[in-house]
């Protein structure tokens, strides 16, 4: 198994490309992670999470701007890096199963750009009816703003102005304040929306045939209905409302802070966090494996290692002896923790 995150062509220049290594071991599973894929005009470009966010449109779709009005990345996590890693892991597992059944290894490719496009698939895809009604007018206005020399925050406002088209949906699928804390409602079905209406005493008409959220008069109605929901939710704490909605079968949640989740009762009861002992920092809690398996249990075996702490161990497992490792250290090819 070989895993690389070089730009395209680097492994070949180092003489460790797939063709070279698979000739030595035809069972080799060889996984490439690149920024822009294995072909195309940008195949040799360097990639990073923030670059993939910008190139793919994920950053613009989110519409965040910083204090200077410049584009701002999604900052709560490196979403594209992490999801690309998950895609690579799935591909590797599939290749290992194929090798188990056939005895043959193979090369696989994943890229930050491909992952970002998948995350944005509802916006990237093309479909004539949707395009003519929503996409094409939006793109025309965005390009007109850009070509006129408008600032990025002015361009981002164009996308935000599309929000009224979806405002009726967001009455029951979005965030609200409560007396203490914030809450989100996640109702996608009419059944759930009707349940919310019953609980809150709301009498809106957004689910009636022909309701057009973009109509100016309806937009005023939507603001009034949203105000009614907000006023009602301010009467109780977020935890109380969530308990009521959950009992009625409506998807809802308190908006929590990520730093609290390690001690969250459900997270603890579900065993989602794992205790570890780090060589440098001591006791810690880390997120456990994504997949649980009945016949081949998964587990987190080690904390994140200090730099080069496993170099010697890995090379010895690969068949080198101590003198080989010593020679590589002396030549400056590798470094070890000792």
Protein backbone atom coordinates (compact mmCIF):
# COMPACT_ATOMS: atom_id res chain seq x y z
CA UNK A 1 0.00 0.00 0.00
CA UNK A 2 1.41 3.39 -1.06
CA UNK A 3 -0.31 6.71 -0.32
CA UNK A 4 0.92 9.96 -1.88
CA UNK A 5 -0.12 13.60 -1.86
CA UNK A 6 2.42 14.84 -4.41
CA UNK A 7 1.49 16.94 -7.39
CA UNK A 8 1.06 14.96 -10.59
CA UNK A 9 4.41 13.87 -12.04
CA UNK A 10 6.48 14.25 -8.86
CA UNK A 11 6.42 10.54 -8.01
CA UNK A 12 7.57 9.67 -11.52
CA UNK A 13 10.46 12.13 -11.26
CA UNK A 14 11.45 10.43 -7.99
CA UNK A 15 11.21 7.02 -9.73
CA UNK A 16 8.49 5.84 -7.33
CA UNK A 17 5.52 6.11 -9.70
CA UNK A 18 2.91 3.40 -9.98
CA UNK A 19 4.34 1.82 -13.14
CA UNK A 20 7.75 1.47 -11.52
CA UNK A 21 6.54 0.09 -8.17
CA UNK A 22 3.78 -2.15 -9.53
CA UNK A 23 6.36 -3.84 -11.75
CA UNK A 24 8.09 -4.87 -8.54
CA UNK A 25 4.86 -5.83 -6.73
CA UNK A 26 1.76 -6.37 -8.91
CA UNK A 27 -0.39 -6.57 -5.73
CA UNK A 28 0.40 -2.97 -4.88
CA UNK A 29 -2.50 -0.62 -4.05
CA UNK A 30 -1.28 2.86 -4.93
CA UNK A 31 -3.42 5.86 -3.92
CA UNK A 32 -2.83 9.37 -5.27
CA UNK A 33 -4.32 12.48 -3.63
CA UNK A 34 -3.84 15.60 -5.73
CA UNK A 35 -5.26 19.08 -5.87
CA UNK A 36 -6.65 19.07 -9.42
CA UNK A 37 -6.78 15.43 -10.58
CA UNK A 38 -4.67 13.34 -12.95
CA UNK A 39 -5.28 15.20 -16.23
CA UNK A 40 -6.32 18.56 -17.61
CA UNK A 41 -4.60 21.95 -17.96
CA UNK A 42 -4.15 22.38 -14.18
CA UNK A 43 -2.89 18.87 -13.49
CA UNK A 44 0.43 20.18 -12.14
CA UNK A 45 -1.02 22.95 -9.95
CA UNK A 46 -0.48 22.84 -6.21
CA UNK A 47 -3.64 22.48 -4.18
CA UNK A 48 -4.79 23.14 -0.63
CA UNK A 49 -8.16 23.23 1.10
CA UNK A 50 -8.60 26.99 0.74
CA UNK A 51 -7.51 26.95 -2.92
CA UNK A 52 -9.98 24.14 -3.67
CA UNK A 53 -12.72 26.12 -1.89
CA UNK A 54 -12.02 29.10 -4.11
CA UNK A 55 -11.58 27.25 -7.42
CA UNK A 56 -14.61 24.99 -6.97
CA UNK A 57 -17.00 27.78 -6.01
CA UNK A 58 -17.60 26.42 -2.52
CA UNK A 59 -16.31 29.65 -1.00
CA UNK A 60 -18.56 31.83 -3.17
CA UNK A 61 -21.56 29.57 -2.56
CA UNK A 62 -21.13 30.06 1.18
CA UNK A 63 -21.00 33.83 0.66
CA UNK A 64 -18.80 34.66 3.65
CA UNK A 65 -16.72 37.84 3.60
CA UNK A 66 -14.13 39.10 6.06
CA UNK A 67 -13.92 42.51 7.73
CA UNK A 68 -12.41 43.94 4.52
CA UNK A 69 -15.16 42.62 2.26
CA UNK A 70 -12.77 40.03 0.81
CA UNK A 71 -13.68 36.34 0.35
CA UNK A 72 -13.50 34.21 3.50
CA UNK A 73 -13.06 30.45 3.63
CA UNK A 74 -15.14 28.01 5.64
CA UNK A 75 -13.19 28.11 8.86
CA UNK A 76 -14.74 25.65 11.31
CA UNK A 77 -12.91 22.76 9.60
CA UNK A 78 -10.85 21.91 6.52
CA UNK A 79 -13.90 20.37 4.85
CA UNK A 80 -12.39 19.50 1.48
CA UNK A 81 -9.18 18.06 2.94
CA UNK A 82 -11.10 15.83 5.30
CA UNK A 83 -13.73 14.62 2.86
CA UNK A 84 -11.03 13.90 0.29
CA UNK A 85 -9.30 11.75 2.90
CA UNK A 86 -12.54 9.87 3.46
CA UNK A 87 -12.95 9.35 -0.28
CA UNK A 88 -9.41 8.01 -0.48
CA UNK A 89 -10.06 5.62 2.40
CA UNK A 90 -13.18 4.26 0.68
CA UNK A 91 -11.29 3.78 -2.56
CA UNK A 92 -8.42 2.03 -0.81
CA UNK A 93 -10.83 -0.34 0.94
CA UNK A 94 -12.47 -1.18 -2.38
CA UNK A 95 -9.07 -1.77 -4.01
CA UNK A 96 -8.00 -4.03 -1.13
CA UNK A 97 -11.19 -6.07 -1.50
CA UNK A 98 -10.55 -6.35 -5.25
CA UNK A 99 -7.00 -7.52 -4.54
CA UNK A 100 -8.28 -10.07 -2.03
CA UNK A 101 -10.58 -11.52 -4.70
CA UNK A 102 -8.28 -11.28 -7.73
CA UNK A 103 -4.74 -11.01 -6.42
CA UNK A 104 -4.24 -7.81 -8.43
CA UNK A 105 -3.40 -4.37 -7.11
CA UNK A 106 -4.30 -1.11 -8.81
CA UNK A 107 -3.78 2.64 -8.85
CA UNK A 108 -6.48 5.05 -7.66
CA UNK A 109 -6.83 8.83 -7.77
CA UNK A 110 -8.78 11.30 -5.67
CA UNK A 111 -8.50 15.08 -5.80
CA UNK A 112 -9.53 18.07 -3.74
CA UNK A 113 -11.36 19.54 -6.72
CA UNK A 114 -13.39 16.39 -7.42
CA UNK A 115 -14.40 16.21 -3.76
CA UNK A 116 -15.42 19.87 -3.73
CA UNK A 117 -17.55 19.36 -6.85
CA UNK A 118 -19.33 16.46 -5.16
CA UNK A 119 -20.05 18.62 -2.11
CA UNK A 120 -21.52 21.22 -4.48
CA UNK A 121 -23.23 18.75 -6.79
CA UNK A 122 -26.65 20.42 -6.48
CA UNK A 123 -25.15 23.69 -7.75
CA UNK A 124 -22.66 22.33 -10.28
CA UNK A 125 -25.04 19.97 -12.09
CA UNK A 126 -26.83 21.20 -15.20
CA UNK A 127 -30.54 20.69 -15.83
CA UNK A 128 -32.48 22.74 -18.41
CA UNK A 129 -35.57 23.71 -16.40
CA UNK A 130 -33.65 24.62 -13.26
CA UNK A 131 -30.99 26.43 -15.31
CA UNK A 132 -33.44 28.67 -17.13
CA UNK A 133 -35.35 29.64 -13.99
CA UNK A 134 -32.59 29.96 -11.40
CA UNK A 135 -29.05 29.34 -12.61
CA UNK A 136 -28.86 31.40 -15.81
CA UNK A 137 -30.29 34.67 -14.40
CA UNK A 138 -28.05 34.35 -11.34
CA UNK A 139 -24.91 33.68 -13.39
CA UNK A 140 -25.69 36.59 -15.73
CA UNK A 141 -26.03 39.00 -12.80
CA UNK A 142 -22.92 37.66 -11.05
CA UNK A 143 -20.82 38.00 -14.20
CA UNK A 144 -22.16 41.48 -14.90
CA UNK A 145 -21.18 42.61 -11.40
CA UNK A 146 -17.74 41.03 -11.68
CA UNK A 147 -17.05 42.50 -15.13
CA UNK A 148 -18.04 45.97 -13.92
CA UNK A 149 -15.23 45.83 -11.35
CA UNK A 150 -17.46 45.37 -8.30
CA UNK A 151 -15.86 44.33 -5.00
CA UNK A 152 -16.22 40.72 -3.86
CA UNK A 153 -18.69 41.60 -1.09
CA UNK A 154 -20.90 43.35 -3.66
CA UNK A 155 -20.79 40.24 -5.84
CA UNK A 156 -21.59 38.04 -2.82
CA UNK A 157 -24.66 40.19 -2.12
CA UNK A 158 -26.12 39.15 -5.49
CA UNK A 159 -26.24 35.54 -4.34
CA UNK A 160 -27.70 36.54 -0.97
CA UNK A 161 -30.50 38.40 -2.76
CA UNK A 162 -31.66 35.06 -4.15
CA UNK A 163 -32.62 33.98 -0.63
CA UNK A 164 -36.28 35.11 -0.86
CA UNK A 165 -36.89 32.43 -3.50
CA UNK A 166 -36.31 29.84 -0.79
CA UNK A 167 -37.69 31.75 2.19
CA UNK A 168 -40.83 29.64 2.51
CA UNK A 169 -38.68 26.51 2.81
CA UNK A 170 -36.47 28.20 5.40
CA UNK A 171 -39.39 28.96 7.74
CA UNK A 172 -39.17 25.36 8.88
CA UNK A 173 -35.57 24.60 7.94
CA UNK A 174 -33.29 27.09 9.64
CA UNK A 175 -32.17 28.75 12.84
CA UNK A 176 -33.98 30.79 15.49
CA UNK A 177 -33.28 32.45 18.81
CA UNK A 178 -34.95 31.19 21.98
CA UNK A 179 -35.16 32.56 25.52
CA UNK A 180 -31.83 30.84 26.20
CA UNK A 181 -29.71 29.49 23.37
CA UNK A 182 -30.38 28.98 19.67
CA UNK A 183 -32.30 26.25 17.89
CA UNK A 184 -32.51 24.87 14.36
CA UNK A 185 -35.55 23.24 12.78
CA UNK A 186 -34.94 20.61 10.10
CA UNK A 187 -38.38 19.87 8.67
CA UNK A 188 -38.23 18.71 5.05
CA UNK A 189 -41.62 17.00 4.77
CA UNK A 190 -45.10 18.49 4.85
CA UNK A 191 -45.93 16.19 7.74
CA UNK A 192 -43.15 17.71 9.84
CA UNK A 193 -44.05 21.23 8.79
CA UNK A 194 -47.68 20.65 9.77
CA UNK A 195 -46.52 19.36 13.15
CA UNK A 196 -44.52 22.54 13.71
CA UNK A 197 -47.54 24.60 12.70
CA UNK A 198 -49.66 22.77 15.25
CA UNK A 199 -47.10 23.16 18.05
CA UNK A 200 -46.49 26.86 17.38
CA UNK A 201 -50.04 27.77 16.35
CA UNK A 202 -48.91 28.99 12.93
CA UNK A 203 -51.39 29.47 10.08
CA UNK A 204 -49.18 30.12 7.04
CA UNK A 205 -50.00 29.17 3.43
CA UNK A 206 -46.53 28.37 2.11
CA UNK A 207 -47.51 24.78 1.26
CA UNK A 208 -50.52 25.77 -0.84
CA UNK A 209 -50.36 25.24 -4.61
CA UNK A 210 -48.94 28.18 -6.52
CA UNK A 211 -47.38 29.98 -3.55
CA UNK A 212 -44.53 32.08 -4.97
CA UNK A 213 -41.97 33.10 -2.38
CA UNK A 214 -40.39 35.63 -4.74
CA UNK A 215 -43.62 37.65 -5.05
CA UNK A 216 -43.15 40.94 -3.11
CA UNK A 217 -46.47 40.61 -1.27
CA UNK A 218 -45.67 37.04 -0.29
CA UNK A 219 -42.23 38.09 0.87
CA UNK A 220 -43.91 40.47 3.32
CA UNK A 221 -46.11 37.60 4.50
CA UNK A 222 -43.06 35.38 4.94
CA UNK A 223 -41.37 37.98 7.11
CA UNK A 224 -44.50 38.23 9.23
CA UNK A 225 -44.76 34.44 9.60
CA UNK A 226 -41.09 34.18 10.48
CA UNK A 227 -41.58 36.90 13.07
CA UNK A 228 -44.46 34.92 14.57
CA UNK A 229 -42.32 31.79 14.81
CA UNK A 230 -39.46 33.76 16.34
CA UNK A 231 -41.71 35.45 18.92
CA UNK A 232 -43.17 32.10 19.96
CA UNK A 233 -39.76 30.44 20.30
CA UNK A 234 -38.54 33.26 22.55
CA UNK A 235 -41.04 32.13 25.18
CA UNK A 236 -39.00 29.06 26.20
CA UNK A 237 -35.41 27.78 26.38
CA UNK A 238 -33.87 25.95 23.43
CA UNK A 239 -33.67 22.65 25.36
CA UNK A 240 -37.39 22.82 26.20
CA UNK A 241 -38.39 23.44 22.59
CA UNK A 242 -36.16 20.67 21.28
CA UNK A 243 -37.68 18.21 23.73
CA UNK A 244 -41.16 19.18 22.51
CA UNK A 245 -40.23 18.85 18.83
CA UNK A 246 -38.42 15.54 19.31
CA UNK A 247 -41.39 14.08 21.19
CA UNK A 248 -43.56 15.05 18.21
CA UNK A 249 -41.11 13.48 15.75
CA UNK A 250 -39.80 16.75 14.27
CA UNK A 251 -36.06 17.03 13.49
CA UNK A 252 -34.63 19.79 15.67
CA UNK A 253 -31.52 20.54 17.70
CA UNK A 254 -30.01 23.00 20.10
CA UNK A 255 -27.08 24.79 18.41
CA UNK A 256 -24.12 23.50 20.40
CA UNK A 257 -20.48 24.58 20.59
CA UNK A 258 -17.99 22.01 19.23
CA UNK A 259 -15.77 22.33 22.30
CA UNK A 260 -18.62 20.95 24.44
CA UNK A 261 -19.11 17.79 22.40
CA UNK A 262 -16.40 15.66 24.02
CA UNK A 263 -18.51 15.74 27.21
CA UNK A 264 -21.91 15.53 25.51
CA UNK A 265 -23.93 12.74 27.19
CA UNK A 266 -24.89 11.08 23.92
CA UNK A 267 -21.36 11.27 22.50
CA UNK A 268 -20.00 9.71 25.69
CA UNK A 269 -22.69 7.01 25.86
CA UNK A 270 -22.16 6.12 22.19
CA UNK A 271 -18.42 5.73 22.72
CA UNK A 272 -17.58 8.28 20.03
CA UNK A 273 -14.58 9.65 21.94
CA UNK A 274 -11.56 7.52 22.83
CA UNK A 275 -9.09 8.10 25.70
CA UNK A 276 -5.44 8.27 24.66
CA UNK A 277 -2.07 8.99 26.21
CA UNK A 278 0.09 11.29 24.11
CA UNK A 279 3.87 11.06 24.46
CA UNK A 280 4.25 14.84 24.75
CA UNK A 281 0.98 16.18 26.21
CA UNK A 282 -0.31 13.30 28.31
CA UNK A 283 -3.99 12.23 28.63
CA UNK A 284 -6.33 13.26 25.82
CA UNK A 285 -9.70 12.43 24.28
CA UNK A 286 -9.81 11.86 20.51
CA UNK A 287 -12.60 11.10 18.05
CA UNK A 288 -12.98 7.36 17.53
CA UNK A 289 -13.20 5.42 14.24
CA UNK A 290 -15.84 6.45 11.71
CA UNK A 291 -16.88 2.87 10.98
CA UNK A 292 -17.78 0.17 13.52
CA UNK A 293 -17.63 -3.43 12.27
CA UNK A 294 -18.98 -6.56 13.93
CA UNK A 295 -16.45 -9.12 12.66
CA UNK A 296 -13.38 -6.92 12.34
CA UNK A 297 -13.71 -4.34 15.14
CA UNK A 298 -12.15 -0.96 14.49
CA UNK A 299 -10.27 0.96 17.14
CA UNK A 300 -8.02 3.95 17.62
CA UNK A 301 -4.71 2.38 18.57
CA UNK A 302 -2.36 5.33 18.97
CA UNK A 303 -2.42 9.09 19.44
CA UNK A 304 -1.01 11.38 16.76
CA UNK A 305 2.74 10.71 16.75
CA UNK A 306 5.45 13.32 17.24
CA UNK A 307 7.31 14.01 14.00
CA UNK A 308 9.47 11.08 12.83
CA UNK A 309 8.66 8.96 15.88
CA UNK A 310 7.62 5.96 13.75
CA UNK A 311 10.14 6.24 10.92
CA UNK A 312 12.41 3.51 12.24
CA UNK A 313 9.51 1.21 13.14
CA UNK A 314 7.88 1.52 9.71
CA UNK A 315 11.11 0.89 7.81
CA UNK A 316 11.95 -2.15 9.93
CA UNK A 317 8.46 -3.55 9.27
CA UNK A 318 9.08 -3.03 5.54
CA UNK A 319 12.14 -5.30 5.64
CA UNK A 320 15.08 -2.98 6.21
CA UNK A 321 17.49 -3.77 9.03
CA UNK A 322 19.07 -1.44 11.56
CA UNK A 323 22.16 -0.88 9.42
CA UNK A 324 19.98 0.16 6.46
CA UNK A 325 18.06 2.62 8.62
CA UNK A 326 21.31 3.96 10.08
CA UNK A 327 22.70 4.54 6.60
CA UNK A 328 19.60 6.45 5.52
CA UNK A 329 19.79 8.64 8.64
CA UNK A 330 23.49 9.28 8.08
CA UNK A 331 22.83 10.25 4.48
CA UNK A 332 20.11 12.71 5.53
CA UNK A 333 17.42 10.84 3.59
CA UNK A 334 15.24 10.29 6.66
CA UNK A 335 15.02 11.51 10.22
CA UNK A 336 14.01 9.58 13.32
CA UNK A 337 12.77 10.68 16.70
CA UNK A 338 15.97 9.45 18.36
